C-alpha atoms as a PDB file:
ATOM      1  CA  MET A   1     -67.004  50.314  80.578  1.00  0.00           C
ATOM      2  CA  LYS A   2     -65.261  53.227  78.920  1.00  0.00           C
ATOM      3  CA  ASN A   3     -62.752  50.808  77.383  1.00  0.00           C
ATOM      4  CA  TYR A   4     -65.427  48.667  75.747  1.00  0.00           C
ATOM      5  CA  PRO A   5     -65.258  50.356  72.262  1.00  0.00           C
ATOM      6  CA  VAL A   6     -61.461  49.949  72.209  1.00  0.00           C
ATOM      7  CA  LEU A   7     -61.717  46.218  73.054  1.00  0.00           C
ATOM      8  CA  VAL A   8     -64.322  45.636  70.358  1.00  0.00           C
ATOM      9  CA  SER A   9     -62.135  47.412  67.770  1.00  0.00           C
ATOM     10  CA  ALA A  10     -59.086  45.276  68.668  1.00  0.00           C
ATOM     11  CA  LEU A  11     -61.049  42.034  68.368  1.00  0.00           C
ATOM     12  CA  ALA A  12     -62.432  43.093  64.994  1.00  0.00           C
ATOM     13  CA  LEU A  13     -58.940  43.905  63.695  1.00  0.00           C
ATOM     14  CA  ALA A  14     -57.560  40.535  64.853  1.00  0.00           C
ATOM     15  CA  THR A  15     -60.420  38.681  63.165  1.00  0.00           C
ATOM     16  CA  LEU A  16     -59.788  40.517  59.901  1.00  0.00           C
ATOM     17  CA  LEU A  17     -56.061  39.688  59.940  1.00  0.00           C
ATOM     18  CA  CYS A  18     -56.690  36.000  60.678  1.00  0.00           C
ATOM     19  CA  SER A  19     -59.262  35.600  57.917  1.00  0.00           C
ATOM     20  CA  ALA A  20     -56.911  37.238  55.361  1.00  0.00           C
ATOM     21  CA  TYR A  21     -53.980  34.880  56.124  1.00  0.00           C
ATOM     22  CA  VAL A  22     -53.366  32.088  53.596  1.00  0.00           C
ATOM     23  CA  PRO A  23     -50.867  29.365  54.685  1.00  0.00           C
ATOM     24  CA  ALA A  24     -47.858  28.912  52.354  1.00  0.00           C
ATOM     25  CA  THR A  25     -48.500  25.195  52.235  1.00  0.00           C
ATOM     26  CA  ASP A  26     -51.654  25.815  50.193  1.00  0.00           C
ATOM     27  CA  THR A  27     -49.524  27.052  47.252  1.00  0.00           C
ATOM     28  CA  PRO A  28     -49.333  24.388  44.488  1.00  0.00           C
ATOM     29  CA  ALA A  29     -45.837  22.898  44.105  1.00  0.00           C
ATOM     30  CA  LYS A  30     -43.983  23.606  40.909  1.00  0.00           C
ATOM     31  CA  LYS A  31     -43.615  20.555  38.690  1.00  0.00           C
ATOM     32  CA  ALA A  32     -40.407  19.781  36.745  1.00  0.00           C
ATOM     33  CA  VAL A  33     -40.912  20.043  33.010  1.00  0.00           C
ATOM     34  CA  ALA A  34     -38.965  17.636  30.762  1.00  0.00           C
ATOM     35  CA  THR A  35     -36.984  19.330  28.036  1.00  0.00           C
ATOM     36  CA  ALA A  36     -37.860  18.008  24.604  1.00  0.00           C
ATOM     37  CA  VAL A  37     -34.878  16.996  22.517  1.00  0.00           C
ATOM     38  CA  ALA A  38     -35.117  16.456  18.773  1.00  0.00           C
ATOM     39  CA  VAL A  39     -33.650  13.059  17.933  1.00  0.00           C
ATOM     40  CA  THR A  40     -33.187  12.052  14.312  1.00  0.00           C
ATOM     41  CA  SER A  41     -33.001   8.440  13.173  1.00  0.00           C
ATOM     42  CA  LEU A  42     -30.706   7.955  10.187  1.00  0.00           C
ATOM     43  CA  PRO A  43     -31.290   4.603   8.460  1.00  0.00           C
ATOM     44  CA  VAL A  44     -28.088   2.812   7.542  1.00  0.00           C
ATOM     45  CA  ASN A  45     -27.327   2.530   3.842  1.00  0.00           C
ATOM     46  CA  THR A  46     -26.707  -1.225   3.853  1.00  0.00           C
ATOM     47  CA  ALA A  47     -25.436  -1.259   0.267  1.00  0.00           C
ATOM     48  CA  GLY A  48     -22.872   1.461   1.015  1.00  0.00           C
ATOM     49  CA  SER A  49     -21.766   0.079   4.396  1.00  0.00           C
ATOM     50  CA  THR A  50     -19.198  -2.671   4.940  1.00  0.00           C
ATOM     51  CA  ILE A  51     -18.195  -5.119   7.661  1.00  0.00           C
ATOM     52  CA  THR A  52     -14.844  -6.813   7.073  1.00  0.00           C
ATOM     53  CA  TRP A  53     -13.576  -9.543   9.391  1.00  0.00           C
ATOM     54  CA  ASN A  54     -10.062 -10.858   9.926  1.00  0.00           C
ATOM     55  CA  ALA A  55      -9.125 -14.057  11.779  1.00  0.00           C
ATOM     56  CA  LYS A  56      -5.570 -15.241  12.360  1.00  0.00           C
ATOM     57  CA  LYS A  57      -4.323 -18.792  12.780  1.00  0.00           C
ATOM     58  CA  PHE A  58      -0.959 -20.519  13.079  1.00  0.00           C
ATOM     59  CA  GLY A  59       1.014 -19.520   9.999  1.00  0.00           C
ATOM     60  CA  GLY A  60      -1.725 -17.509   8.292  1.00  0.00           C
ATOM     61  CA  GLU A  61      -5.009 -15.642   8.353  1.00  0.00           C
ATOM     62  CA  HIS A  62      -8.324 -15.289   6.570  1.00  0.00           C
ATOM     63  CA  THR A  63     -10.397 -12.241   5.709  1.00  0.00           C
ATOM     64  CA  GLY A  64     -13.963 -11.834   4.561  1.00  0.00           C
ATOM     65  CA  THR A  65     -17.162  -9.859   4.804  1.00  0.00           C
ATOM     66  CA  VAL A  66     -20.626 -10.021   6.301  1.00  0.00           C
ATOM     67  CA  GLN A  67     -23.545  -7.746   5.454  1.00  0.00           C
ATOM     68  CA  LEU A  68     -25.788  -5.513   7.501  1.00  0.00           C
ATOM     69  CA  ALA A  69     -29.455  -6.429   7.156  1.00  0.00           C
ATOM     70  CA  LYS A  70     -30.657  -3.107   8.557  1.00  0.00           C
ATOM     71  CA  GLY A  71     -29.835  -0.492  11.160  1.00  0.00           C
ATOM     72  CA  ASN A  72     -29.988   3.115  12.220  1.00  0.00           C
ATOM     73  CA  LEU A  73     -27.884   5.794  13.870  1.00  0.00           C
ATOM     74  CA  GLU A  74     -29.635   8.194  16.244  1.00  0.00           C
ATOM     75  CA  VAL A  75     -28.288  11.735  16.235  1.00  0.00           C
ATOM     76  CA  ASN A  76     -29.092  15.080  17.829  1.00  0.00           C
ATOM     77  CA  GLY A  77     -27.757  17.817  15.601  1.00  0.00           C
ATOM     78  CA  ARG A  78     -24.092  16.912  15.087  1.00  0.00           C
ATOM     79  CA  LYS A  79     -23.935  14.558  18.088  1.00  0.00           C
ATOM     80  CA  LEU A  80     -24.284  10.780  18.075  1.00  0.00           C
ATOM     81  CA  GLN A  81     -26.930   9.547  20.532  1.00  0.00           C
ATOM     82  CA  GLY A  82     -27.331   5.818  19.847  1.00  0.00           C
ATOM     83  CA  GLY A  83     -28.240   3.200  17.286  1.00  0.00           C
ATOM     84  CA  SER A  84     -29.086  -0.439  16.642  1.00  0.00           C
ATOM     85  CA  PHE A  85     -28.177  -2.919  13.906  1.00  0.00           C
ATOM     86  CA  GLU A  86     -28.955  -6.361  12.525  1.00  0.00           C
ATOM     87  CA  ILE A  87     -26.256  -8.437  10.806  1.00  0.00           C
ATOM     88  CA  ASP A  88     -27.143 -11.071   8.216  1.00  0.00           C
ATOM     89  CA  MET A  89     -24.937 -14.012   9.244  1.00  0.00           C
ATOM     90  CA  THR A  90     -26.020 -16.040   6.198  1.00  0.00           C
ATOM     91  CA  SER A  91     -24.078 -13.535   4.059  1.00  0.00           C
ATOM     92  CA  ILE A  92     -20.679 -14.331   5.598  1.00  0.00           C
ATOM     93  CA  THR A  93     -18.003 -14.885   2.949  1.00  0.00           C
ATOM     94  CA  ASP A  94     -14.248 -15.381   2.635  1.00  0.00           C
ATOM     95  CA  THR A  95     -12.368 -13.007   0.319  1.00  0.00           C
ATOM     96  CA  ASP A  96      -8.776 -14.272   0.425  1.00  0.00           C
ATOM     97  CA  ILE A  97      -9.157 -17.818  -0.973  1.00  0.00           C
ATOM     98  CA  THR A  98      -9.257 -17.764  -4.777  1.00  0.00           C
ATOM     99  CA  ASN A  99      -9.913 -21.464  -5.323  1.00  0.00           C
ATOM    100  CA  PRO A 100     -13.743 -21.762  -5.547  1.00  0.00           C
ATOM    101  CA  ASP A 101     -13.901 -25.192  -3.914  1.00  0.00           C
ATOM    102  CA  PHE A 102     -11.651 -24.274  -0.985  1.00  0.00           C
ATOM    103  CA  ASN A 103     -13.467 -20.955  -0.608  1.00  0.00           C
ATOM    104  CA  ALA A 104     -16.864 -22.677  -0.416  1.00  0.00           C
ATOM    105  CA  LYS A 105     -15.473 -25.208   2.074  1.00  0.00           C
ATOM    106  CA  LEU A 106     -14.287 -22.486   4.455  1.00  0.00           C
ATOM    107  CA  THR A 107     -17.448 -20.419   4.062  1.00  0.00           C
ATOM    108  CA  ASN A 108     -19.664 -23.398   4.828  1.00  0.00           C
ATOM    109  CA  HIS A 109     -17.489 -24.253   7.826  1.00  0.00           C
ATOM    110  CA  LEU A 110     -17.920 -20.730   9.202  1.00  0.00           C
ATOM    111  CA  LYS A 111     -21.692 -21.166   8.924  1.00  0.00           C
ATOM    112  CA  SER A 112     -21.598 -24.512  10.735  1.00  0.00           C
ATOM    113  CA  GLU A 113     -21.986 -25.391  14.421  1.00  0.00           C
ATOM    114  CA  ASP A 114     -18.197 -25.102  14.843  1.00  0.00           C
ATOM    115  CA  PHE A 115     -18.442 -21.345  14.356  1.00  0.00           C
ATOM    116  CA  PHE A 116     -21.571 -19.195  13.908  1.00  0.00           C
ATOM    117  CA  SER A 117     -24.386 -21.785  13.689  1.00  0.00           C
ATOM    118  CA  VAL A 118     -26.008 -19.733  10.946  1.00  0.00           C
ATOM    119  CA  GLU A 119     -28.926 -22.076  10.346  1.00  0.00           C
ATOM    120  CA  LYS A 120     -30.031 -21.703  13.965  1.00  0.00           C
ATOM    121  CA  TYR A 121     -28.900 -18.089  14.455  1.00  0.00           C
ATOM    122  CA  PRO A 122     -29.171 -16.308  11.066  1.00  0.00           C
ATOM    123  CA  VAL A 123     -29.080 -12.828  12.619  1.00  0.00           C
ATOM    124  CA  SER A 124     -26.662 -11.144  15.004  1.00  0.00           C
ATOM    125  CA  THR A 125     -27.519  -7.793  16.607  1.00  0.00           C
ATOM    126  CA  PHE A 126     -25.777  -4.807  18.142  1.00  0.00           C
ATOM    127  CA  LYS A 127     -27.460  -2.093  20.201  1.00  0.00           C
ATOM    128  CA  ILE A 128     -25.629   0.982  21.455  1.00  0.00           C
ATOM    129  CA  THR A 129     -26.150   1.528  25.196  1.00  0.00           C
ATOM    130  CA  LYS A 130     -23.689   4.359  25.867  1.00  0.00           C
ATOM    131  CA  VAL A 131     -22.025   7.064  23.785  1.00  0.00           C
ATOM    132  CA  SER A 132     -19.101   9.028  25.225  1.00  0.00           C
ATOM    133  CA  PRO A 133     -17.575  11.878  23.170  1.00  0.00           C
ATOM    134  CA  VAL A 134     -13.762  12.047  23.234  1.00  0.00           C
ATOM    135  CA  ALA A 135     -12.650  15.482  24.400  1.00  0.00           C
ATOM    136  CA  LYS A 136     -10.442  17.398  21.971  1.00  0.00           C
ATOM    137  CA  ALA A 137     -10.139  14.506  19.534  1.00  0.00           C
ATOM    138  CA  ALA A 138      -7.647  15.158  16.727  1.00  0.00           C
ATOM    139  CA  ALA A 139      -8.983  15.428  13.189  1.00  0.00           C
ATOM    140  CA  GLY A 140      -9.550  11.961  11.771  1.00  0.00           C
ATOM    141  CA  ALA A 141      -8.952  10.256  15.135  1.00  0.00           C
ATOM    142  CA  PRO A 142     -11.700   8.430  17.073  1.00  0.00           C
ATOM    143  CA  ASN A 143     -14.033  11.039  18.559  1.00  0.00           C
ATOM    144  CA  TYR A 144     -16.380   8.674  20.430  1.00  0.00           C
ATOM    145  CA  THR A 145     -16.133   5.726  22.768  1.00  0.00           C
ATOM    146  CA  ILE A 146     -19.093   3.451  22.146  1.00  0.00           C
ATOM    147  CA  THR A 147     -20.493   0.744  24.403  1.00  0.00           C
ATOM    148  CA  GLY A 148     -23.228  -1.657  23.370  1.00  0.00           C
ATOM    149  CA  ASP A 149     -24.686  -5.142  23.527  1.00  0.00           C
ATOM    150  CA  LEU A 150     -23.519  -7.552  20.824  1.00  0.00           C
ATOM    151  CA  THR A 151     -25.572 -10.735  20.380  1.00  0.00           C
ATOM    152  CA  ILE A 152     -24.094 -13.663  18.431  1.00  0.00           C
ATOM    153  CA  LYS A 153     -25.541 -17.203  18.540  1.00  0.00           C
ATOM    154  CA  GLY A 154     -28.140 -15.965  21.016  1.00  0.00           C
ATOM    155  CA  ILE A 155     -25.418 -14.911  23.488  1.00  0.00           C
ATOM    156  CA  THR A 156     -25.176 -11.246  24.490  1.00  0.00           C
ATOM    157  CA  ASN A 157     -22.018  -9.542  25.724  1.00  0.00           C
ATOM    158  CA  ALA A 158     -21.221  -5.873  26.259  1.00  0.00           C
ATOM    159  CA  ILE A 159     -18.377  -4.489  24.157  1.00  0.00           C
ATOM    160  CA  THR A 160     -16.636  -1.097  24.106  1.00  0.00           C
ATOM    161  CA  PHE A 161     -14.606   0.368  21.259  1.00  0.00           C
ATOM    162  CA  PRO A 162     -13.406   3.705  19.806  1.00  0.00           C
ATOM    163  CA  ALA A 163     -15.141   5.084  16.715  1.00  0.00           C
ATOM    164  CA  THR A 164     -14.797   7.985  14.333  1.00  0.00           C
ATOM    165  CA  VAL A 165     -18.164   9.526  13.520  1.00  0.00           C
ATOM    166  CA  LYS A 166     -18.900  12.407  11.156  1.00  0.00           C
ATOM    167  CA  ILE A 167     -22.380  13.913  11.051  1.00  0.00           C
ATOM    168  CA  ASP A 168     -23.293  16.462   8.407  1.00  0.00           C
ATOM    169  CA  GLY A 169     -26.947  17.442   8.307  1.00  0.00           C
ATOM    170  CA  ASN A 170     -28.958  14.329   7.503  1.00  0.00           C
ATOM    171  CA  MET A 171     -25.916  12.223   6.627  1.00  0.00           C
ATOM    172  CA  ALA A 172     -23.540  10.286   8.872  1.00  0.00           C
ATOM    173  CA  ASP A 173     -20.357   8.313   8.324  1.00  0.00           C
ATOM    174  CA  ALA A 174     -18.840   6.086  11.018  1.00  0.00           C
ATOM    175  CA  THR A 175     -15.757   3.864  11.124  1.00  0.00           C
ATOM    176  CA  ALA A 176     -14.435   1.567  13.837  1.00  0.00           C
ATOM    177  CA  LYS A 177     -12.024  -1.321  14.369  1.00  0.00           C
ATOM    178  CA  ILE A 178     -13.380  -3.798  16.911  1.00  0.00           C
ATOM    179  CA  ALA A 179     -11.554  -6.713  18.533  1.00  0.00           C
ATOM    180  CA  LEU A 180     -13.775  -9.603  19.688  1.00  0.00           C
ATOM    181  CA  ASP A 181     -12.988 -12.628  21.837  1.00  0.00           C
ATOM    182  CA  ARG A 182     -14.903 -15.452  20.133  1.00  0.00           C
ATOM    183  CA  ILE A 183     -14.868 -17.588  23.280  1.00  0.00           C
ATOM    184  CA  LYS A 184     -17.399 -15.200  24.877  1.00  0.00           C
ATOM    185  CA  TRP A 185     -19.898 -16.244  22.193  1.00  0.00           C
ATOM    186  CA  ASP A 186     -19.181 -19.980  22.531  1.00  0.00           C
ATOM    187  CA  ILE A 187     -17.065 -20.199  19.356  1.00  0.00           C
ATOM    188  CA  LYS A 188     -14.344 -22.548  20.568  1.00  0.00           C
ATOM    189  CA  TYR A 189     -13.266 -24.507  17.501  1.00  0.00           C
ATOM    190  CA  ARG A 190      -9.460 -24.985  17.582  1.00  0.00           C
ATOM    191  CA  SER A 191      -9.076 -22.615  20.525  1.00  0.00           C
ATOM    192  CA  GLY A 192      -5.835 -22.824  22.452  1.00  0.00           C
ATOM    193  CA  LEU A 193      -7.970 -23.057  25.590  1.00  0.00           C
ATOM    194  CA  LEU A 194      -9.063 -26.545  24.553  1.00  0.00           C
ATOM    195  CA  GLY A 195      -5.536 -27.927  24.348  1.00  0.00           C
ATOM    196  CA  THR A 196      -5.390 -27.754  20.549  1.00  0.00           C
ATOM    197  CA  ALA A 197      -1.973 -28.513  19.083  1.00  0.00           C
ATOM    198  CA  ALA A 198      -0.011 -25.305  18.510  1.00  0.00           C
ATOM    199  CA  ASP A 199       0.150 -25.758  14.734  1.00  0.00           C
ATOM    200  CA  LYS A 200      -3.651 -26.074  14.547  1.00  0.00           C
ATOM    201  CA  VAL A 201      -4.673 -23.160  16.769  1.00  0.00           C
ATOM    202  CA  ILE A 202      -6.979 -20.401  15.524  1.00  0.00           C
ATOM    203  CA  GLU A 203      -6.558 -17.239  17.601  1.00  0.00           C
ATOM    204  CA  ASP A 204      -9.424 -16.498  19.962  1.00  0.00           C
ATOM    205  CA  THR A 205      -9.485 -12.810  19.075  1.00  0.00           C
ATOM    206  CA  PHE A 206     -10.677 -11.723  15.650  1.00  0.00           C
ATOM    207  CA  THR A 207     -11.230  -8.200  14.361  1.00  0.00           C
ATOM    208  CA  ILE A 208     -14.015  -6.349  12.606  1.00  0.00           C
ATOM    209  CA  ASP A 209     -13.448  -3.281  10.426  1.00  0.00           C
ATOM    210  CA  LEU A 210     -16.716  -1.403  10.288  1.00  0.00           C
ATOM    211  CA  HIS A 211     -17.699   1.374   7.900  1.00  0.00           C
ATOM    212  CA  LEU A 212     -21.244   2.704   8.179  1.00  0.00           C
ATOM    213  CA  LYS A 213     -23.018   5.192   5.958  1.00  0.00           C
ATOM    214  CA  ALA A 214     -26.410   6.495   7.031  1.00  0.00           C
ATOM    215  CA  GLY A 215     -28.866   9.072   5.736  1.00  0.00           C
ATOM    216  CA  ALA A 216     -32.445   9.809   4.662  1.00  0.00           C
ATOM    217  CA  ALA A 217     -33.452  11.303   7.995  1.00  0.00           C
ATOM    218  CA  GLN A 218     -36.664  10.412   9.804  1.00  0.00           C
ATOM    219  CA  PRO A 219     -37.225  12.962  12.631  1.00  0.00           C
ATOM    220  CA  SER A 220     -38.685  11.780  15.939  1.00  0.00           C
ATOM    221  CA  LEU A 221     -39.122  13.331  19.376  1.00  0.00           C
ATOM    222  CA  GLY A 222     -37.465  12.223  22.580  1.00  0.00           C
ATOM    223  CA  SER A 223     -37.278  13.597  26.079  1.00  0.00           C
ATOM    224  CA  ASN A 224     -34.231  14.402  28.139  1.00  0.00           C
END
């Protein structure tokens, strides 16, 4: 019985230690916090921007323009992030034919079912889906590779092309030369794929020279 006080003291100490222990699993887990990134939307200056097209055929070519209806470039500081655009297909014109009657004939043909079906599809769209900066791009050379979805005649295809983009504060200037295969958008008139006589063929690939000017910033907030 002499050891009884010692036993009681040991049990009391053990009880105290057990009651003071807090399992590590009771500690709340740390939650990841999204980093806010300031994204600025720069509306495209449609009056100051141009889209020039060029189509080649056997023994010649035609050039013309089409107008942007609206659009925007999304930037973060001096970096391009994205953008989306609407093209007014009813504005398509030819600029190389000087005879008014012949010019009107070609323009109306381009708007017809043989080409862009403008009455049914008055708007084409382009939305940027990926922006890849070009490392160590030379001054004046393309500094981005842009991928996006181009919709013409209700048909959407992904396209990728190089672009030169300059961003200065709330202003941006972008240029690009884009080659398009018209067959992908069901524009097959006088295509060589249809067995058209060689002297009547219109090349399947046509090009777009794009020059965009954007400004008048409208700040928004995105998350990374």
